[in-house]
């Protein structure tokens, strides 16, 4: 991979050891790589484009920032050989909003992540969207600022894990021009591959959740839906969980547009409360599975936070 922020590249060290332990080599010293290390190799024009997209995403949510998402890969192993899905860096930062789809993506060749279209392969900039965790594999990530067990958070939850689950639907294939007002969630069944989540304040003491497992309920919904224009109408809130009172049976027979409204501006994901762990705060989250995917992890915001100013988006263009 070449030089990354003055450190030896991921592939060189990973290829030798098969493990990524908080790692980038600076001389003879191993140090944590920058969470933006994978951006350093991109052309300047692409960096500018991604930066503008990031700025737009922050303004869309109103309060989301880099501190709200996992920022560093602490350790990773056993992630397989599929280059679209074996990069743990895909878990860092904001989850995937747009996916590169050269078949169903229209002229822009991209389709938004939604309750009926899970993140896969790469985003329009070429970065991996998700990381698959095979049996025996694991990824541990950390947050720069600890996640607190805070009863003032939305629904008493403290963090959200995003995967690439999706509902089966009446249209079958989702395209860039799909009208979500006409597509039904017929059964409420999900395409799901469970991921087990463990948390730690210090990387030594761990608590593992028996349930829920992530990459399940609720599928990611990156954008709101405008029933008048029949297109996406602004970003959902990555730091707001789906209301825990919402049940899978509630979506049966609803249109995709109606299901999005049931999310109440949440971007979805599987939400967790730290209370069962007895930890007052955590910085580390470990993910294990038998083939499930992880797209990102966010902290949960406070009830008092606004849902944010919204800007219009049309087929991948934010304005």
Protein backbone atom coordinates (compact mmCIF):
# COMPACT_ATOMS: atom_id res chain seq x y z
CA UNK A 1 0.00 0.00 0.00
CA UNK A 2 3.03 2.30 0.27
CA UNK A 3 3.59 5.00 2.84
CA UNK A 4 0.62 6.05 4.98
CA UNK A 5 1.07 9.26 6.98
CA UNK A 6 4.78 8.50 7.40
CA UNK A 7 4.08 4.90 8.48
CA UNK A 8 4.43 1.55 6.80
CA UNK A 9 1.26 0.58 4.94
CA UNK A 10 -1.48 -1.71 6.22
CA UNK A 11 -0.94 -4.43 3.64
CA UNK A 12 2.78 -4.85 4.35
CA UNK A 13 2.34 -5.51 8.07
CA UNK A 14 -0.94 -7.37 7.67
CA UNK A 15 0.50 -9.65 5.01
CA UNK A 16 3.30 -10.72 7.35
CA UNK A 17 1.34 -11.28 10.51
CA UNK A 18 -2.30 -11.75 9.49
CA UNK A 19 -3.21 -9.50 12.42
CA UNK A 20 -3.63 -5.75 12.71
CA UNK A 21 -2.68 -4.73 16.25
CA UNK A 22 -3.01 -0.91 16.64
CA UNK A 23 -0.44 -0.62 14.00
CA UNK A 24 1.46 1.55 11.72
CA UNK A 25 5.23 1.41 11.85
CA UNK A 26 7.12 4.68 12.31
CA UNK A 27 10.78 3.73 12.29
CA UNK A 28 11.02 0.92 14.84
CA UNK A 29 7.92 1.93 16.76
CA UNK A 30 4.41 0.62 16.19
CA UNK A 31 1.81 3.34 16.50
CA UNK A 32 -1.87 3.71 15.72
CA UNK A 33 -2.58 4.68 12.11
CA UNK A 34 -4.60 7.74 11.30
CA UNK A 35 -8.31 6.94 10.82
CA UNK A 36 -7.97 8.79 7.51
CA UNK A 37 -4.91 6.84 6.38
CA UNK A 38 -6.73 5.24 3.45
CA UNK A 39 -7.49 8.71 2.09
CA UNK A 40 -3.85 9.65 1.77
CA UNK A 41 -3.36 7.61 -1.38
CA UNK A 42 -6.30 9.06 -3.27
CA UNK A 43 -5.88 11.68 -6.04
CA UNK A 44 -6.33 15.26 -4.90
CA UNK A 45 -9.55 15.63 -6.89
CA UNK A 46 -11.07 12.62 -5.17
CA UNK A 47 -9.95 13.83 -1.74
CA UNK A 48 -11.68 17.15 -2.43
CA UNK A 49 -14.85 15.37 -3.50
CA UNK A 50 -14.89 13.13 -0.42
CA UNK A 51 -14.15 16.10 1.86
CA UNK A 52 -17.07 18.05 0.39
CA UNK A 53 -19.31 15.01 0.83
CA UNK A 54 -18.19 14.70 4.45
CA UNK A 55 -18.89 18.38 5.12
CA UNK A 56 -22.34 18.01 3.55
CA UNK A 57 -23.06 14.94 5.66
CA UNK A 58 -22.16 16.82 8.84
CA UNK A 59 -24.42 19.73 7.92
CA UNK A 60 -27.24 17.34 7.03
CA UNK A 61 -27.33 15.74 10.45
CA UNK A 62 -26.77 19.05 12.21
CA UNK A 63 -24.67 17.62 15.04
CA UNK A 64 -22.85 14.48 13.87
CA UNK A 65 -19.07 14.74 13.90
CA UNK A 66 -16.05 12.50 13.58
CA UNK A 67 -16.18 11.98 17.35
CA UNK A 68 -19.53 10.24 16.94
CA UNK A 69 -18.06 7.31 15.02
CA UNK A 70 -15.43 4.63 15.59
CA UNK A 71 -12.07 6.16 14.70
CA UNK A 72 -9.37 3.46 14.97
CA UNK A 73 -8.88 -0.23 14.25
CA UNK A 74 -7.16 -1.66 17.33
CA UNK A 75 -6.95 -5.28 16.16
CA UNK A 76 -8.24 -7.44 13.33
CA UNK A 77 -7.71 -11.03 12.24
CA UNK A 78 -9.22 -13.81 10.15
CA UNK A 79 -10.99 -11.54 7.67
CA UNK A 80 -10.59 -13.66 4.56
CA UNK A 81 -9.29 -12.83 1.09
CA UNK A 82 -12.18 -11.03 -0.64
CA UNK A 83 -10.75 -7.54 -1.15
CA UNK A 84 -14.22 -5.98 -1.25
CA UNK A 85 -14.97 -7.18 2.27
CA UNK A 86 -11.75 -7.85 4.23
CA UNK A 87 -10.67 -4.29 5.07
CA UNK A 88 -11.48 -3.36 8.70
CA UNK A 89 -11.03 0.33 7.86
CA UNK A 90 -14.49 0.12 6.29
CA UNK A 91 -15.92 0.13 9.83
CA UNK A 92 -14.44 3.53 10.69
CA UNK A 93 -16.29 6.80 10.27
CA UNK A 94 -19.85 7.39 9.11
CA UNK A 95 -21.67 4.37 7.63
CA UNK A 96 -22.29 4.12 3.90
CA UNK A 97 -24.82 6.47 2.30
CA UNK A 98 -24.20 5.63 -1.38
CA UNK A 99 -23.11 2.40 -3.06
CA UNK A 100 -21.47 2.05 -6.46
CA UNK A 101 -23.83 -0.02 -8.61
CA UNK A 102 -22.88 -0.19 -12.28
CA UNK A 103 -25.95 -2.28 -13.18
CA UNK A 104 -28.84 -0.68 -11.29
CA UNK A 105 -27.35 2.71 -10.43
CA UNK A 106 -28.45 4.71 -13.46
CA UNK A 107 -26.19 7.32 -15.04
CA UNK A 108 -24.52 8.08 -11.70
CA UNK A 109 -23.95 4.34 -11.14
CA UNK A 110 -24.93 4.54 -7.50
CA UNK A 111 -27.79 3.53 -5.22
CA UNK A 112 -28.44 4.79 -1.68
CA UNK A 113 -28.29 2.52 1.36
CA UNK A 114 -31.84 1.86 2.48
CA UNK A 115 -34.04 -0.62 4.29
CA UNK A 116 -34.29 -2.56 1.00
CA UNK A 117 -30.72 -2.07 -0.28
CA UNK A 118 -27.83 -2.99 2.00
CA UNK A 119 -24.33 -1.56 1.65
CA UNK A 120 -22.04 -3.77 -0.45
CA UNK A 121 -18.69 -3.80 -2.26
CA UNK A 122 -17.58 -0.18 -2.67
CA UNK A 123 -18.87 3.36 -2.45
CA UNK A 124 -18.71 5.77 -5.43
CA UNK A 125 -15.20 6.81 -4.37
CA UNK A 126 -13.93 3.23 -4.46
CA UNK A 127 -13.65 2.67 -0.69
CA UNK A 128 -14.94 -0.56 0.88
CA UNK A 129 -18.42 -0.10 2.33
CA UNK A 130 -18.49 -2.96 4.85
CA UNK A 131 -16.20 -5.49 6.51
CA UNK A 132 -17.20 -9.16 6.63
CA UNK A 133 -16.25 -11.05 9.78
CA UNK A 134 -15.97 -14.81 9.05
CA UNK A 135 -16.10 -17.56 11.65
CA UNK A 136 -13.00 -17.26 13.82
CA UNK A 137 -12.39 -13.68 12.73
CA UNK A 138 -12.75 -10.52 14.76
CA UNK A 139 -12.32 -6.77 14.60
CA UNK A 140 -11.79 -4.43 17.54
CA UNK A 141 -12.28 -0.70 17.08
CA UNK A 142 -12.04 2.25 19.43
CA UNK A 143 -13.52 5.71 19.89
CA UNK A 144 -11.38 8.76 20.55
CA UNK A 145 -13.89 9.99 23.13
CA UNK A 146 -15.42 7.36 25.45
CA UNK A 147 -19.05 6.31 25.00
CA UNK A 148 -20.94 6.97 28.25
CA UNK A 149 -23.78 5.06 29.83
CA UNK A 150 -26.11 8.05 29.65
CA UNK A 151 -29.85 7.77 30.43
CA UNK A 152 -30.35 11.11 28.63
CA UNK A 153 -29.52 9.47 25.30
CA UNK A 154 -32.25 8.64 22.81
CA UNK A 155 -34.34 5.75 24.24
CA UNK A 156 -31.64 5.15 26.86
CA UNK A 157 -29.33 3.59 24.25
CA UNK A 158 -25.62 4.40 24.07
CA UNK A 159 -24.23 3.19 20.73
CA UNK A 160 -25.43 1.80 17.39
CA UNK A 161 -23.84 -0.84 15.15
CA UNK A 162 -24.68 -0.65 11.43
CA UNK A 163 -24.53 -3.65 9.09
CA UNK A 164 -25.98 -4.37 5.66
CA UNK A 165 -29.19 -6.22 6.43
CA UNK A 166 -32.24 -5.41 4.30
CA UNK A 167 -35.93 -6.25 4.01
CA UNK A 168 -37.24 -8.44 1.22
CA UNK A 169 -39.64 -6.42 -0.91
CA UNK A 170 -42.20 -6.63 -3.69
CA UNK A 171 -39.92 -5.12 -6.35
CA UNK A 172 -37.09 -7.58 -5.90
CA UNK A 173 -34.37 -5.43 -7.49
CA UNK A 174 -33.85 -1.87 -6.21
CA UNK A 175 -32.53 0.67 -8.71
CA UNK A 176 -31.57 4.34 -8.69
CA UNK A 177 -35.10 5.15 -9.92
CA UNK A 178 -37.13 2.91 -7.60
CA UNK A 179 -40.25 4.60 -6.27
CA UNK A 180 -40.49 3.69 -2.59
CA UNK A 181 -44.13 4.78 -2.51
CA UNK A 182 -45.00 1.77 -4.67
CA UNK A 183 -42.76 -0.95 -3.18
CA UNK A 184 -44.10 -3.10 -0.35
CA UNK A 185 -42.43 -4.83 2.58
CA UNK A 186 -44.51 -7.97 2.20
CA UNK A 187 -43.33 -10.15 5.11
CA UNK A 188 -40.93 -8.17 7.31
CA UNK A 189 -38.27 -10.82 6.69
CA UNK A 190 -34.66 -9.66 6.73
CA UNK A 191 -31.54 -10.76 4.93
CA UNK A 192 -29.45 -11.00 8.08
CA UNK A 193 -26.12 -12.44 9.26
CA UNK A 194 -25.76 -11.96 13.05
CA UNK A 195 -22.74 -10.17 14.51
CA UNK A 196 -21.89 -10.51 18.22
CA UNK A 197 -20.84 -7.33 20.01
CA UNK A 198 -18.52 -7.00 23.02
CA UNK A 199 -17.51 -3.80 24.82
CA UNK A 200 -14.64 -2.73 27.08
CA UNK A 201 -13.49 0.44 28.83
CA UNK A 202 -9.81 -0.48 28.70
CA UNK A 203 -9.31 -3.39 26.26
CA UNK A 204 -8.83 -5.77 29.20
CA UNK A 205 -12.20 -6.25 30.88
CA UNK A 206 -14.92 -7.23 28.39
CA UNK A 207 -18.68 -7.68 28.35
CA UNK A 208 -20.37 -9.63 25.52
CA UNK A 209 -24.03 -9.04 24.65
CA UNK A 210 -26.05 -12.23 24.25
CA UNK A 211 -28.60 -10.09 22.44
CA UNK A 212 -29.28 -8.23 20.36
CA UNK A 213 -26.92 -9.20 17.56
CA UNK A 214 -26.12 -6.57 14.98
CA UNK A 215 -26.46 -6.69 11.19
CA UNK A 216 -30.12 -7.34 11.85
CA UNK A 217 -32.92 -5.02 12.98
CA UNK A 218 -32.90 -2.32 11.95
CA UNK A 219 -31.57 -1.98 8.38
CA UNK A 220 -29.70 1.21 7.54
CA UNK A 221 -31.76 4.05 6.07
CA UNK A 222 -29.41 6.80 4.96
CA UNK A 223 -31.98 9.28 3.66
CA UNK A 224 -35.53 10.46 4.25
CA UNK A 225 -38.10 10.04 1.49
CA UNK A 226 -40.19 12.79 -0.13
CA UNK A 227 -43.61 11.39 -1.14
CA UNK A 228 -44.25 14.40 -3.38
CA UNK A 229 -41.11 14.25 -5.52
CA UNK A 230 -40.72 10.47 -5.03
CA UNK A 231 -37.03 10.77 -4.25
CA UNK A 232 -34.65 11.12 -1.33
CA UNK A 233 -35.07 14.31 0.65
CA UNK A 234 -32.26 14.63 3.19
CA UNK A 235 -30.10 12.68 5.59
CA UNK A 236 -31.44 10.62 8.44
CA UNK A 237 -29.77 10.93 11.87
CA UNK A 238 -26.87 8.50 12.39
CA UNK A 239 -26.84 9.08 16.15
CA UNK A 240 -30.53 8.35 16.74
CA UNK A 241 -31.70 4.73 17.22
CA UNK A 242 -34.95 3.38 15.89
CA UNK A 243 -37.66 3.55 18.55
CA UNK A 244 -37.32 0.23 20.47
CA UNK A 245 -41.12 -0.03 20.54
CA UNK A 246 -41.11 -0.60 16.77
CA UNK A 247 -41.61 -4.30 16.00
CA UNK A 248 -40.88 -6.29 12.81
CA UNK A 249 -44.60 -6.94 12.48
CA UNK A 250 -45.20 -3.19 12.27
CA UNK A 251 -43.62 -2.99 8.82
CA UNK A 252 -45.53 -5.86 7.20
CA UNK A 253 -47.70 -4.64 4.34
CA UNK A 254 -46.26 -1.13 4.51
CA UNK A 255 -44.61 0.61 1.61
CA UNK A 256 -40.90 1.31 1.90
CA UNK A 257 -41.77 5.02 2.19
CA UNK A 258 -44.07 4.27 5.14
CA UNK A 259 -41.38 2.20 6.84
CA UNK A 260 -38.90 5.08 6.47
CA UNK A 261 -41.39 7.34 8.24
CA UNK A 262 -41.67 4.77 11.05
CA UNK A 263 -37.93 5.28 11.61
CA UNK A 264 -38.71 8.85 12.80
CA UNK A 265 -35.53 10.27 11.20
CA UNK A 266 -33.28 7.50 12.58
CA UNK A 267 -30.71 6.04 10.19
CA UNK A 268 -31.39 2.58 11.64
CA UNK A 269 -28.84 0.11 13.01
CA UNK A 270 -28.82 -2.09 16.11
CA UNK A 271 -28.75 -0.03 19.31
CA UNK A 272 -27.15 -1.05 22.61
CA UNK A 273 -27.40 0.14 26.19
CA UNK A 274 -24.24 -0.03 28.33
CA UNK A 275 -26.22 -0.65 31.52
CA UNK A 276 -26.11 -4.50 31.31
CA UNK A 277 -22.30 -4.35 31.10
CA UNK A 278 -22.03 -2.38 34.37
CA UNK A 279 -19.45 -0.17 32.62
CA UNK A 280 -20.03 3.54 33.08
CA UNK A 281 -18.11 4.19 29.85
CA UNK A 282 -16.33 2.28 27.09
CA UNK A 283 -13.82 3.01 24.33
CA UNK A 284 -13.43 -0.40 22.69
CA UNK A 285 -15.92 -2.51 20.74
CA UNK A 286 -15.11 -6.01 19.48
CA UNK A 287 -17.09 -7.69 16.70
CA UNK A 288 -17.26 -11.42 15.95
CA UNK A 289 -19.50 -13.34 13.57
CA UNK A 290 -19.95 -16.22 11.17
CA UNK A 291 -20.04 -14.10 8.04
CA UNK A 292 -21.93 -10.98 9.11
CA UNK A 293 -20.99 -7.48 7.97
CA UNK A 294 -20.28 -4.25 9.84
CA UNK A 295 -20.53 -0.87 8.14
CA UNK A 296 -19.97 1.50 11.04
CA UNK A 297 -20.56 2.26 14.71
CA UNK A 298 -21.91 5.50 16.17
CA UNK A 299 -22.49 6.83 19.65
CA UNK A 300 -26.09 7.79 20.48
CA UNK A 301 -27.03 11.45 20.80
CA UNK A 302 -29.04 13.17 23.50
CA UNK A 303 -32.78 13.65 23.45
CA UNK A 304 -32.24 17.40 23.54
CA UNK A 305 -30.31 17.42 20.27
CA UNK A 306 -32.07 18.69 17.17
CA UNK A 307 -32.60 16.35 14.25
CA UNK A 308 -30.55 18.79 12.20
CA UNK A 309 -30.90 21.05 9.24
CA UNK A 310 -31.72 19.14 6.10
CA UNK A 311 -30.48 19.69 2.59
CA UNK A 312 -31.94 18.16 -0.50
CA UNK A 313 -30.21 15.28 -2.23
CA UNK A 314 -30.95 13.96 -5.67
CA UNK A 315 -29.41 10.72 -6.85
CA UNK A 316 -26.12 11.18 -5.07
CA UNK A 317 -25.81 14.94 -5.45
CA UNK A 318 -26.16 16.95 -2.27
CA UNK A 319 -27.30 20.52 -2.70
